[in-house]
Structure formats: C-alpha cells, structure tokens
Protein backbone atom coordinates (compact mmCIF):
# COMPACT_ATOMS: atom_id res chain seq x y z
CA MET A 1 -3.18 13.84 -34.10
CA ILE A 2 -0.99 13.95 -30.98
CA ARG A 3 -0.88 10.64 -29.18
CA PRO A 4 -2.79 10.77 -25.85
CA LEU A 5 -0.88 11.02 -22.63
CA ALA A 6 -0.64 8.60 -19.71
CA LEU A 7 0.50 10.41 -16.57
CA ILE A 8 2.07 8.34 -13.83
CA LEU A 9 2.79 9.85 -10.42
CA ALA A 10 5.96 8.29 -8.97
CA ASP A 11 8.86 9.61 -6.94
CA GLU A 12 12.35 8.25 -6.51
CA PHE A 13 11.27 5.83 -3.79
CA GLU A 14 8.69 4.00 -5.87
CA SER A 15 9.33 0.36 -6.77
CA ARG A 16 10.90 0.16 -10.22
CA ASP A 17 9.52 -3.40 -10.38
CA LEU A 18 6.08 -1.80 -10.59
CA LEU A 19 6.89 1.32 -12.58
CA TRP A 20 8.70 -0.15 -15.58
CA PRO A 21 6.10 -2.78 -16.44
CA LEU A 22 3.40 -0.07 -16.30
CA ILE A 23 5.43 2.09 -18.68
CA ARG A 24 5.92 -0.76 -21.09
CA GLU A 25 2.21 -1.59 -20.93
CA CYS A 26 1.10 1.95 -21.73
CA GLN A 27 3.71 3.08 -24.22
CA GLN A 28 2.16 1.09 -27.10
CA SER A 29 -0.84 3.47 -27.18
CA PHE A 30 0.23 6.52 -25.15
CA ASN A 31 2.97 9.02 -24.61
CA ILE A 32 4.26 8.51 -21.10
CA LYS A 33 4.98 11.14 -18.50
CA VAL A 34 6.35 10.10 -15.13
CA LEU A 35 6.08 12.88 -12.61
CA ALA A 36 6.84 13.37 -8.90
CA PRO A 37 3.58 14.29 -7.13
CA GLN A 38 4.92 17.66 -5.94
CA PHE A 39 5.29 18.80 -9.56
CA LEU A 40 1.79 17.98 -10.63
CA LYS A 41 0.43 21.54 -10.23
CA LYS A 42 3.28 23.09 -12.24
CA PHE A 43 2.79 20.46 -14.96
CA HIS A 44 -0.90 21.21 -15.20
CA GLN A 45 -0.32 24.99 -15.44
CA GLU A 46 2.06 24.47 -18.37
CA TYR A 47 0.13 21.74 -20.19
CA SER A 48 -1.81 22.91 -23.24
CA ASP A 49 -3.21 19.80 -24.95
CA PRO A 50 -7.03 19.60 -24.38
CA GLN A 51 -7.18 15.83 -24.74
CA PRO A 52 -8.09 13.75 -21.66
CA ILE A 53 -5.15 12.31 -19.73
CA ILE A 54 -5.02 8.73 -18.45
CA PHE A 55 -4.01 9.06 -14.83
CA PHE A 56 -2.15 6.68 -12.56
CA ALA A 57 -1.86 8.10 -9.05
CA ASN A 58 0.49 5.26 -8.13
CA PRO A 59 2.59 2.82 -10.21
CA ASN A 60 0.86 -0.13 -8.56
CA LEU A 61 -2.43 0.66 -10.34
CA ARG A 62 -3.54 -1.30 -13.41
CA TYR A 63 -6.54 -0.68 -15.65
CA PRO A 64 -7.97 -3.38 -17.88
CA ASN A 65 -8.14 -1.19 -20.99
CA PRO A 66 -6.68 2.37 -20.72
CA GLN A 67 -7.36 3.05 -24.42
CA GLU A 68 -11.08 2.35 -23.82
CA ILE A 69 -11.04 4.83 -20.88
CA PHE A 70 -9.46 7.47 -23.14
CA ASN A 71 -11.93 6.90 -25.94
CA PHE A 72 -14.89 7.24 -23.57
CA HIS A 73 -13.55 10.41 -21.96
CA GLN A 74 -12.69 11.95 -25.29
CA LYS A 75 -16.32 11.50 -26.41
CA SER A 76 -17.48 13.11 -23.13
CA PRO A 77 -15.14 16.08 -22.72
CA ASN A 78 -17.42 17.86 -20.23
CA PHE A 79 -16.53 15.31 -17.55
CA PRO A 80 -13.62 16.77 -15.52
CA LEU A 81 -12.82 13.43 -13.86
CA CYS A 82 -13.56 9.79 -14.57
CA PHE A 83 -13.53 7.43 -11.64
CA SER A 84 -13.21 3.69 -11.29
CA THR A 85 -15.74 1.50 -9.50
CA THR A 86 -13.72 1.97 -6.30
CA GLY A 87 -13.26 5.70 -6.59
CA GLU A 88 -9.77 6.05 -8.09
CA ILE A 89 -9.34 8.81 -10.71
CA VAL A 90 -8.53 6.97 -13.95
CA SER A 91 -8.59 9.98 -16.31
CA PHE A 92 -9.08 13.69 -16.24
CA ASN A 93 -9.73 16.56 -18.67
CA PRO A 94 -6.90 19.05 -18.09
CA LYS A 95 -9.15 21.98 -19.12
CA GLN A 96 -11.90 21.05 -16.69
CA ILE A 97 -9.86 20.58 -13.48
CA GLU A 98 -7.60 22.52 -11.17
CA VAL A 99 -4.70 21.12 -9.14
CA LEU A 100 -4.87 22.24 -5.56
CA ASP A 101 -1.77 23.08 -3.52
CA ASP A 102 -1.93 19.67 -1.80
CA GLY A 103 -1.90 17.87 -5.17
CA ARG A 104 -5.58 16.90 -5.33
CA LEU A 105 -7.48 17.24 -8.60
CA SER A 106 -10.47 19.55 -8.22
CA PRO A 107 -13.21 19.60 -10.91
CA LYS A 108 -14.45 22.94 -12.25
CA ASN A 109 -17.96 21.47 -12.50
CA GLN A 110 -19.83 18.58 -10.87
CA LEU A 111 -20.21 16.35 -13.99
CA ASN A 112 -17.79 13.71 -12.82
CA CYS A 113 -18.28 10.28 -14.25
CA PHE A 114 -18.11 6.92 -12.48
CA THR A 115 -17.13 4.21 -14.97
CA ASN A 116 -17.26 0.41 -14.75
CA VAL A 117 -13.44 0.25 -14.70
CA LYS A 118 -12.18 -2.16 -12.08
CA VAL A 119 -8.71 -1.20 -10.81
CA GLN A 120 -6.22 -3.82 -9.91
CA ARG A 121 -3.51 -3.06 -7.33
CA ILE A 122 -0.19 -4.85 -7.84
CA LEU A 123 1.94 -5.58 -4.78
CA PRO A 124 5.72 -5.09 -5.24
CA PRO A 125 7.97 -8.11 -4.60
CA ILE A 126 9.50 -8.21 -1.14
CA ASP A 127 12.32 -10.11 0.49
CA PRO A 128 11.22 -12.58 3.17
CA VAL A 129 11.00 -10.92 6.52
CA THR A 130 10.32 -12.23 10.07
CA ILE A 131 8.49 -10.11 12.60
CA ILE A 132 9.10 -10.92 16.25
CA VAL A 133 6.73 -9.43 18.80
CA ARG A 134 8.03 -9.36 22.37
CA ILE A 135 5.05 -9.83 24.64
CA HIS A 136 4.86 -9.25 28.37
CA ARG A 137 1.70 -8.94 30.55
CA ARG A 138 -0.12 -6.05 28.97
CA LYS A 139 -3.37 -7.36 27.46
CA ILE A 140 -4.73 -4.12 26.00
CA TYR A 141 -1.39 -3.07 24.60
CA LEU A 142 -0.94 -6.47 22.96
CA GLU A 143 -4.40 -6.37 21.36
CA LEU A 144 -3.79 -2.86 19.97
CA THR A 145 -0.31 -3.74 18.74
CA LEU A 146 -1.42 -6.85 16.89
CA ARG A 147 -4.34 -5.00 15.38
CA SER A 148 -2.16 -2.16 14.13
CA LEU A 149 0.51 -4.55 12.88
CA LEU A 150 -2.00 -6.45 10.74
CA PHE A 151 -3.52 -3.23 9.49
CA SER A 152 -0.10 -1.95 8.40
CA LEU A 153 0.70 -5.23 6.60
CA GLY A 154 -2.62 -5.17 4.74
CA ALA A 155 -2.81 -7.84 2.05
CA ARG A 156 0.65 -9.14 3.02
CA ALA A 157 -0.50 -10.19 6.51
CA ASN A 158 -0.61 -13.83 5.48
CA GLN A 159 2.69 -13.67 3.59
CA VAL A 160 4.85 -12.54 6.52
CA TYR A 161 6.08 -14.85 9.24
CA ILE A 162 5.22 -13.51 12.70
CA LEU A 163 6.65 -14.98 15.89
CA LEU A 164 5.03 -14.10 19.17
CA ALA A 165 7.49 -14.37 22.07
CA LEU A 166 5.44 -14.61 25.30
CA SER A 167 7.48 -13.83 28.44
CA ASP A 168 5.82 -15.42 31.47
CA PRO A 169 2.37 -14.75 30.03
CA THR A 170 -0.93 -14.58 31.91
CA PRO A 171 -3.83 -16.84 30.80
CA GLU A 172 -5.42 -13.83 29.07
CA ILE A 173 -2.23 -13.18 27.08
CA GLU A 174 -2.09 -16.87 26.06
CA MET A 175 -5.69 -16.72 24.84
CA ILE A 176 -4.91 -13.70 22.67
CA ALA A 177 -1.90 -15.54 21.18
CA GLN A 178 -3.93 -18.68 20.50
CA ASP A 179 -6.64 -16.69 18.77
CA PHE A 180 -3.98 -14.93 16.65
CA LEU A 181 -2.44 -18.28 15.59
CA GLN A 182 -5.82 -19.65 14.54
CA LYS A 183 -6.35 -16.69 12.23
CA HIS A 184 -2.74 -16.70 11.00
CA PRO A 185 -1.53 -20.29 10.80
CA LYS A 186 1.79 -19.26 9.21
CA SER A 187 2.77 -17.65 12.51
CA ASP A 188 4.16 -19.20 15.72
CA ALA A 189 4.16 -18.44 19.44
CA ILE A 190 6.61 -19.49 22.08
CA LYS A 191 6.20 -19.31 25.84
CA ILE A 192 9.26 -18.32 27.89
CA THR A 193 9.37 -18.86 31.64
CA PRO A 194 10.40 -17.36 33.96
CA ASN A 195 10.11 -13.75 32.83
CA SER A 196 12.95 -13.09 30.43
CA TYR A 197 12.60 -9.29 30.42
CA LEU A 198 15.11 -7.76 27.96
CA GLY A 199 16.27 -11.23 26.96
CA THR A 200 12.95 -12.05 25.26
CA GLY A 201 14.06 -10.94 21.82
CA LYS A 202 17.32 -12.91 21.99
CA ALA A 203 15.49 -16.02 23.17
CA ALA A 204 13.00 -15.67 20.29
CA LEU A 205 15.87 -15.30 17.76
CA LEU A 206 17.58 -18.39 19.11
CA TRP A 207 14.36 -20.40 18.93
CA ALA A 208 13.76 -19.23 15.32
CA GLN A 209 17.31 -20.08 14.35
CA TYR A 210 17.13 -23.54 15.94
CA ASN A 211 13.83 -24.21 14.14
CA GLN A 212 15.26 -23.01 10.81
CA LYS A 213 12.96 -20.03 10.34
CA GLU A 214 13.75 -17.32 7.77
CA LEU A 215 16.01 -14.78 9.50
CA LYS A 216 17.42 -12.86 6.54
CA LYS A 217 15.54 -9.78 7.69
CA VAL A 218 14.06 -9.43 11.18
CA VAL A 219 11.78 -6.69 12.57
CA LEU A 220 11.47 -6.60 16.37
CA PHE A 221 8.24 -5.26 17.86
CA GLU A 222 7.37 -4.48 21.45
CA ASP A 223 3.84 -5.17 22.63
CA ASP A 224 3.31 -1.47 23.10
CA PHE A 225 4.46 -0.43 19.63
CA ILE A 226 1.14 0.78 18.21
CA LEU A 227 1.18 2.06 14.63
CA PRO A 228 -1.04 5.03 13.94
CA ALA A 229 -3.92 4.69 11.51
CA VAL A 230 -2.10 6.90 8.94
CA ALA A 231 0.77 4.37 8.74
CA LYS A 232 -0.90 2.60 5.80
CA ASP A 233 -1.24 5.85 3.92
CA LEU A 234 2.38 6.83 4.52
CA TYR A 235 3.80 3.40 3.86
CA PRO A 236 1.28 1.60 1.60
CA ASP A 237 3.74 -1.17 0.51
C-alpha cells in the first residue's frame, strides 16, 4: 500500500524554522509534499491516489496525531473535507473536492466533517525589535494607530518592546499612553517638551540608548500610521 501523503503549503518566504520540524515530524508516517500555494490546483489535477491527504495550509500548524486523522478519514471516504475544532482543514479526499482558481478547496458534496482535532499554531522565532511610536496631539489617530499596531502583532504584542514618544502631549494623549502602559507593562512612554516636531524620533532613540533598551532593530511609527485590517492576513508572522 502506498504511504499516505502529507501536503504542506509553503512558499520561499516561509520560515524554515517552522517548515523543517514539521517535515521531520510527519515523515515517519507520511510521504511529504511541500507545495507553493499557487500550484495547488495543478497538483490536484494531476494527482491520482484516492487516499485522503493530510493537509497543512501553513507550516506553523501542528496536529496532535496526524495518523489518527488519516485513519478516520480513510474509514469515511465520503467526507470531502475534515475540519479541526477551530475550522482549519486538516485533511481532504482528493476525489471529493475541487481546487478553485483562488486556491480554496471546494467540496463536491456537503458531507464535511468537523473533528475534535485541536490545532496548535507555532510562532517562528524572531530577533528582538523595538517599536517607537512618535506621538503628537491627535487623539483619534493615536487610538487607531495603537489598536492597529496591537492587532498586527497579535500574540507577540507582549513580547515586543514599544516606546511611546509623546511630543508636548495634551492631557487626553497622556491618558491614552497611561492606559496603554497599564495593559502592556513591558512598554515605556516618554514626555518631550517643548514640541520636538521632527526631532521626536531622534530624542526617543537617544533616550532608549541611554536607558540601555534593545536597539538591534527599530521600527519607527507615526501616530497616523494605521494598518489595515487585512495586514494580519498578509503578514501573519
């Protein structure tokens, strides 16, 4: 009998620190196919084995027991797709699905199965980074910027050092900064008077250097740099 297949979608930009451990984990029980997402439809058109395929839409996904998923799906071949408890596709029957032009897997019938598989998402290792937010007197912009920044950082929000540089702030701006620091104690805020205008970023860097903060990598934000909601989909890590 042909060994079952584990299909991992990954392009050249994926973290190898996530991809290689997943390959090693799966290769004991499965043949491994690593495929760029744009080639999924062509792969499906040419694939002839009717066995279910264990599916990893991203190398950061981990399943407790892929072999158990395969065994279950093999005994229930009429299910086009098997989903995790949180809705990720963990396996599919290649004869019961179609791959749409946008890469989505579309079932040929509505007998999809939701399993009790709990997916774990592994975060890739990152170098320490400092984010400096230059803040002036724009309350609504500041609130939106901090909200979008935290949304884009996701689970890493409490791992990244954030420095708020307040240039001649109003009482409202100071209150927003204080509230932010209470929720994110790893962060700092400095108050610069009088208004430092374009020198705010330099003043913040000098303060961070003097106080021996990590400055290996620095990202400078303005208080009107608002990330769109799709940023987390485009740049999930």
